[in-house]
Amino acid sequence: MSKVMIIINPSSGKEKAGKILPNAEKVLGEMYDQVTVLKTKGEGDATEFAKEACAKRYDAVISMGGDGTVNEIVNGLAEQEHRPAFGIIPLGTVNDFARSLGIPLNPEAAIDIIKDRKMKESDIGKINDRYFMNVLAVGPIAEATYNVSVEQKTRLGSFAYFMEGAKAVIKKNPFPLTVEHDQGRWIGEAHLLIATMTNSVGGFERLAPDAEVNDGKLHTFIIKDLSLPLLLKIIPSLIKGEIKEHDEVEYIQTSKLHLSTPEDIKVNIDGDEGFLLPVQATVLHKHLRLLVPDTASAE
């Protein structure tokens, strides 16, 4: 008997999840013998639900929520003996992972994608004992994003993160950082480090135009100077996908990272507060099977 689990965050997308759910249940009911719907009530629920889907050998798990829900599900699926196929119906503010896969941000269109059953293998990252699917960030600018409220995200979208980051640029100094990677070691002072597994970060889809979800790499940018005048020069490069060419940016492609600093700085993991440095990050290559548009599918 084929089984699918829908993991839904009722508060996502201005609470429109409940309106989308009936159609999702109908479509999935035509594809699978059993449809189980589980609604999250708090942090960690989606991870536990995903682990249950692995243990009970579900055929697929579908996320209905934002990047936070996707991250929790990834943490439930990662390194399990049985890993169901993973589909995404995006309802969040930014939806970086869905963007990187070409999944429509319109939920109804995303449901149609799932009907096609097209698969793509995807990398995920592991940092200490946690998992991520999109981005790591280190520095005061990354920490400033924790101050973004739900109301700001709803009203301003990804621009809310940019505003908080700009405030940090004005107030903060660079910090000492050591980055060990496949090719060696970088030591210096930085304002920000971003290590991304996809081409979409914070809604900017051209930060790492060379990044593919299954290339086995962390595309790492070390921004050495980020004064306000320089920030105004970097933004056009960011929009064009040329930030790695900037003089004040060090660009590294690597399958693993070890990050350390003498200061008390935490790593931002997929937008959430993570561990104090030092940390070790690695890529789990082609670890998950994702339900994607036909144009993005390839094993």
Protein backbone atom coordinates (compact mmCIF):
# COMPACT_ATOMS: atom_id res chain seq x y z
CA MET A 1 0.00 0.00 0.00
CA SER A 2 1.45 3.36 -1.05
CA LYS A 3 1.49 6.12 1.59
CA VAL A 4 2.13 9.86 1.62
CA MET A 5 2.46 12.19 4.62
CA ILE A 6 1.60 15.89 4.42
CA ILE A 7 3.37 17.95 7.09
CA ILE A 8 1.67 21.32 7.32
CA ASN A 9 2.53 24.48 9.24
CA PRO A 10 -0.90 26.08 9.79
CA SER A 11 0.59 29.53 10.41
CA SER A 12 2.56 29.74 7.13
CA GLY A 13 1.66 32.02 4.27
CA LYS A 14 -0.64 34.32 6.22
CA GLU A 15 -2.43 31.18 7.43
CA LYS A 16 -3.53 30.23 3.91
CA ALA A 17 -2.36 26.65 4.43
CA GLY A 18 -5.87 25.56 5.42
CA LYS A 19 -7.28 26.82 2.12
CA ILE A 20 -4.70 24.92 0.07
CA LEU A 21 -4.90 21.66 2.02
CA PRO A 22 -8.17 20.24 0.54
CA ASN A 23 -6.81 20.35 -3.02
CA ALA A 24 -3.49 18.85 -1.91
CA GLU A 25 -5.33 15.99 -0.18
CA LYS A 26 -7.46 15.42 -3.27
CA VAL A 27 -4.51 15.30 -5.67
CA LEU A 28 -2.39 13.11 -3.42
CA GLY A 29 -5.34 10.84 -2.72
CA GLU A 30 -5.41 10.05 -6.44
CA MET A 31 -1.70 9.16 -6.36
CA TYR A 32 -1.39 7.21 -3.10
CA ASP A 33 -3.54 4.70 -1.25
CA GLN A 34 -3.17 6.49 2.10
CA VAL A 35 -2.83 10.21 2.84
CA THR A 36 -1.80 11.24 6.37
CA VAL A 37 -2.02 14.92 7.37
CA LEU A 38 -0.04 16.11 10.40
CA LYS A 39 -0.12 19.74 11.57
CA THR A 40 2.78 21.28 13.45
CA LYS A 41 2.10 23.04 16.75
CA GLY A 42 5.62 23.98 17.74
CA GLU A 43 9.32 23.84 17.00
CA GLY A 44 10.62 20.36 16.20
CA ASP A 45 7.25 18.84 15.32
CA ALA A 46 8.01 18.58 11.60
CA THR A 47 11.30 16.79 12.34
CA GLU A 48 9.55 14.18 14.49
CA PHE A 49 6.82 13.69 11.87
CA ALA A 50 9.43 13.15 9.16
CA LYS A 51 11.26 10.60 11.29
CA GLU A 52 7.94 8.78 11.75
CA ALA A 53 7.48 8.73 7.97
CA CYS A 54 10.91 7.11 7.61
CA ALA A 55 10.27 4.53 10.32
CA LYS A 56 6.89 3.59 8.84
CA ARG A 57 8.33 3.52 5.31
CA TYR A 58 6.13 6.15 3.70
CA ASP A 59 6.64 6.62 -0.02
CA ALA A 60 6.65 10.42 0.12
CA VAL A 61 6.61 13.36 2.52
CA ILE A 62 5.14 16.70 1.42
CA SER A 63 6.00 19.99 3.14
CA MET A 64 3.34 22.70 3.32
CA GLY A 65 5.12 25.65 4.92
CA GLY A 66 8.14 27.88 4.55
CA ASP A 67 11.88 27.27 4.62
CA GLY A 68 11.73 26.64 8.37
CA THR A 69 9.33 23.73 7.87
CA VAL A 70 11.48 22.39 5.02
CA ASN A 71 14.58 22.58 7.24
CA GLU A 72 12.87 20.65 10.04
CA ILE A 73 11.71 17.94 7.63
CA VAL A 74 15.22 17.63 6.18
CA ASN A 75 16.50 17.11 9.74
CA GLY A 76 13.98 14.28 10.14
CA LEU A 77 14.81 12.58 6.84
CA ALA A 78 18.60 12.90 6.92
CA GLU A 79 20.66 9.74 7.30
CA GLN A 80 17.62 7.54 7.95
CA GLU A 81 17.70 3.99 6.60
CA HIS A 82 14.54 4.64 4.55
CA ARG A 83 14.10 8.14 3.15
CA PRO A 84 10.79 8.93 1.40
CA ALA A 85 10.65 11.16 -1.67
CA PHE A 86 10.29 14.80 -0.61
CA GLY A 87 7.88 17.32 -2.16
CA ILE A 88 7.44 21.00 -1.37
CA ILE A 89 4.33 23.19 -1.53
CA PRO A 90 5.86 26.57 -0.62
CA LEU A 91 3.88 28.84 1.71
CA GLY A 92 6.63 30.86 3.39
CA THR A 93 8.07 34.35 2.99
CA VAL A 94 11.18 33.60 0.94
CA ASN A 95 11.07 29.89 -0.05
CA ASP A 96 14.73 29.74 -1.12
CA PHE A 97 14.87 25.97 -1.50
CA ALA A 98 11.77 25.88 -3.70
CA ARG A 99 13.17 28.72 -5.82
CA SER A 100 16.43 26.85 -6.37
CA LEU A 101 14.53 23.80 -7.62
CA GLY A 102 12.28 25.76 -9.96
CA ILE A 103 9.20 24.86 -7.91
CA PRO A 104 6.45 27.46 -8.49
CA LEU A 105 5.85 29.76 -5.54
CA ASN A 106 2.14 29.57 -6.30
CA PRO A 107 0.96 26.69 -4.05
CA GLU A 108 -1.63 25.36 -6.49
CA ALA A 109 0.97 25.23 -9.27
CA ALA A 110 3.36 23.46 -6.89
CA ILE A 111 0.71 20.79 -6.26
CA ASP A 112 0.53 20.19 -10.02
CA ILE A 113 4.30 19.59 -10.03
CA ILE A 114 3.92 16.77 -7.49
CA LYS A 115 1.42 15.05 -9.78
CA ASP A 116 4.17 14.57 -12.39
CA ARG A 117 6.30 12.44 -9.98
CA LYS A 118 9.54 13.79 -11.49
CA MET A 119 12.58 13.22 -9.26
CA LYS A 120 15.88 14.98 -8.69
CA GLU A 121 18.60 13.92 -6.28
CA SER A 122 19.68 16.72 -3.95
CA ASP A 123 22.57 17.38 -1.61
CA ILE A 124 22.04 18.44 1.96
CA GLY A 125 24.57 19.78 4.42
CA LYS A 126 25.53 18.54 7.86
CA ILE A 127 26.91 20.90 10.48
CA ASN A 128 27.91 19.28 13.76
CA ASP A 129 24.80 17.16 14.47
CA ARG A 130 22.30 19.27 12.48
CA TYR A 131 21.36 19.33 8.82
CA PHE A 132 20.58 22.12 6.37
CA MET A 133 19.52 22.38 2.74
CA ASN A 134 20.37 25.93 1.80
CA VAL A 135 22.80 28.23 3.56
CA LEU A 136 25.19 28.85 6.43
CA ALA A 137 26.12 32.41 7.39
CA VAL A 138 28.56 33.79 9.96
CA GLY A 139 28.95 37.34 11.22
CA PRO A 140 27.05 40.20 12.84
CA ILE A 141 25.00 40.73 9.67
CA ALA A 142 23.78 37.13 9.80
CA GLU A 143 23.00 37.46 13.50
CA ALA A 144 21.00 40.62 12.83
CA THR A 145 18.43 38.61 10.86
CA TYR A 146 17.24 37.06 14.14
CA ASN A 147 15.69 40.45 14.90
CA VAL A 148 13.29 40.20 11.94
CA SER A 149 9.77 39.77 13.29
CA VAL A 150 6.98 37.73 11.74
CA GLU A 151 5.16 41.00 11.02
CA GLN A 152 8.18 42.40 9.16
CA LYS A 153 8.53 39.23 7.07
CA THR A 154 4.84 39.29 6.21
CA ARG A 155 4.90 42.97 5.23
CA LEU A 156 8.32 43.30 3.58
CA GLY A 157 9.32 39.76 2.55
CA SER A 158 13.05 39.20 1.95
CA PHE A 159 13.67 42.99 2.10
CA ALA A 160 13.14 42.79 5.87
CA TYR A 161 16.35 40.75 6.18
CA PHE A 162 18.22 43.25 4.03
CA MET A 163 17.13 46.12 6.29
CA GLU A 164 18.33 44.43 9.48
CA GLY A 165 21.60 43.49 7.78
CA ALA A 166 22.17 47.08 6.67
CA LYS A 167 21.80 48.24 10.29
CA ALA A 168 24.49 45.75 11.33
CA VAL A 169 26.87 47.04 8.64
CA ILE A 170 26.72 50.50 10.18
CA LYS A 171 27.25 49.30 13.78
CA LYS A 172 29.67 46.36 13.54
CA ASN A 173 33.38 45.84 12.86
CA PRO A 174 34.98 42.89 11.03
CA PHE A 175 35.89 39.79 13.03
CA PRO A 176 38.86 37.39 12.81
CA LEU A 177 38.03 34.17 10.95
CA THR A 178 39.81 30.98 9.95
CA VAL A 179 38.27 28.93 7.12
CA GLU A 180 39.66 25.45 6.39
CA HIS A 181 38.44 23.97 3.09
CA ASP A 182 39.31 21.41 0.40
CA GLN A 183 42.07 23.56 -1.09
CA GLY A 184 43.68 24.73 2.14
CA ARG A 185 43.08 27.51 4.66
CA TRP A 186 42.01 31.15 4.61
CA ILE A 187 42.84 33.38 7.59
CA GLY A 188 41.83 37.01 7.88
CA GLU A 189 39.18 39.47 8.98
CA ALA A 190 35.67 39.33 7.56
CA HIS A 191 32.33 41.07 7.87
CA LEU A 192 30.35 38.09 6.61
CA LEU A 193 30.73 34.50 5.44
CA ILE A 194 28.01 32.84 3.38
CA ALA A 195 28.22 29.18 2.37
CA THR A 196 25.34 28.20 0.11
CA MET A 197 24.27 24.94 -1.50
CA THR A 198 21.77 26.59 -3.86
CA ASN A 199 21.60 29.65 -6.10
CA SER A 200 18.94 31.38 -3.96
CA VAL A 201 19.76 33.05 -0.65
CA GLY A 202 17.34 35.39 1.12
CA GLY A 203 15.29 35.64 -2.05
CA PHE A 204 18.31 36.69 -4.16
CA GLU A 205 18.48 34.09 -6.90
CA ARG A 206 21.81 35.22 -8.36
CA LEU A 207 24.12 35.10 -5.36
CA ALA A 208 25.72 31.85 -6.54
CA PRO A 209 24.60 31.33 -10.15
CA ASP A 210 26.95 28.33 -10.55
CA ALA A 211 25.47 26.45 -7.58
CA GLU A 212 23.45 23.31 -8.28
CA VAL A 213 21.50 21.42 -5.64
CA ASN A 214 23.47 18.23 -6.37
CA ASP A 215 26.98 19.44 -7.26
CA GLY A 216 28.50 18.29 -3.93
CA LYS A 217 29.77 21.78 -3.11
CA LEU A 218 29.38 24.54 -0.56
CA HIS A 219 29.73 27.76 -2.55
CA THR A 220 31.46 29.97 0.00
CA PHE A 221 31.78 33.75 -0.07
CA ILE A 222 33.99 35.58 2.44
CA ILE A 223 33.19 39.29 2.38
CA LYS A 224 36.25 41.02 3.78
CA ASP A 225 35.03 44.62 3.76
CA LEU A 226 31.43 45.74 3.97
CA SER A 227 31.39 49.41 4.87
CA LEU A 228 28.25 51.20 3.78
CA PRO A 229 29.85 52.83 0.68
CA LEU A 230 31.22 49.45 -0.40
CA LEU A 231 27.86 47.79 0.25
CA LEU A 232 26.28 50.13 -2.29
CA LYS A 233 28.88 48.96 -4.85
CA ILE A 234 28.44 45.27 -4.05
CA ILE A 235 24.64 45.26 -4.43
CA PRO A 236 24.74 45.64 -8.26
CA SER A 237 27.24 42.75 -8.41
CA LEU A 238 24.90 40.68 -6.24
CA ILE A 239 21.94 41.35 -8.52
CA LYS A 240 23.98 40.43 -11.62
CA GLY A 241 25.38 37.25 -10.05
CA GLU A 242 28.92 38.64 -10.18
CA ILE A 243 29.67 39.06 -6.48
CA LYS A 244 32.45 36.45 -6.56
CA GLU A 245 34.39 38.75 -8.93
CA HIS A 246 34.47 41.62 -6.42
CA ASP A 247 37.89 42.54 -4.98
CA GLU A 248 36.64 42.35 -1.40
CA VAL A 249 35.09 38.90 -1.82
CA GLU A 250 36.92 35.57 -1.51
CA TYR A 251 35.10 32.75 -3.33
CA ILE A 252 35.70 29.08 -2.49
CA GLN A 253 34.03 25.89 -3.72
CA THR A 254 34.48 23.05 -1.24
CA SER A 255 32.83 19.85 0.00
CA LYS A 256 33.65 20.65 3.62
CA LEU A 257 34.34 23.64 5.87
CA HIS A 258 35.82 24.14 9.30
CA LEU A 259 35.10 27.62 10.67
CA SER A 260 36.72 29.10 13.76
CA THR A 261 37.15 32.46 15.49
CA PRO A 262 38.31 33.60 18.95
CA GLU A 263 35.12 35.66 19.30
CA ASP A 264 31.71 34.47 20.53
CA ILE A 265 29.96 34.19 17.19
CA LYS A 266 27.22 31.76 16.21
CA VAL A 267 26.57 30.31 12.78
CA ASN A 268 23.22 31.03 11.14
CA ILE A 269 21.77 27.76 9.76
CA ASP A 270 19.08 28.20 7.09
CA GLY A 271 18.05 31.44 8.76
CA ASP A 272 17.97 30.12 12.33
CA GLU A 273 20.42 30.57 15.19
CA GLY A 274 22.94 27.74 15.32
CA PHE A 275 26.14 26.76 17.14
CA LEU A 276 28.99 28.83 18.48
CA LEU A 277 32.09 28.55 16.34
CA PRO A 278 34.16 26.43 15.81
CA VAL A 279 31.95 24.28 13.56
CA GLN A 280 32.49 21.59 10.95
CA ALA A 281 30.22 21.46 7.86
CA THR A 282 30.13 18.74 5.19
CA VAL A 283 28.01 17.92 2.14
CA LEU A 284 25.93 14.73 1.98
CA HIS A 285 25.97 14.27 -1.79
CA LYS A 286 22.68 13.41 -3.57
CA HIS A 287 21.18 12.42 -0.23
CA LEU A 288 17.47 13.14 -0.85
CA ARG A 289 15.05 12.48 -3.72
CA LEU A 290 12.98 15.55 -4.48
CA LEU A 291 9.75 15.97 -6.44
CA VAL A 292 10.54 18.73 -8.94
CA PRO A 293 9.34 20.29 -12.22
CA ASP A 294 10.12 18.26 -15.33
CA THR A 295 12.67 20.87 -16.46
CA ALA A 296 14.66 20.37 -13.23
CA SER A 297 14.45 16.57 -13.02
CA ALA A 298 17.55 14.42 -13.41
CA GLU A 299 18.85 11.54 -11.36
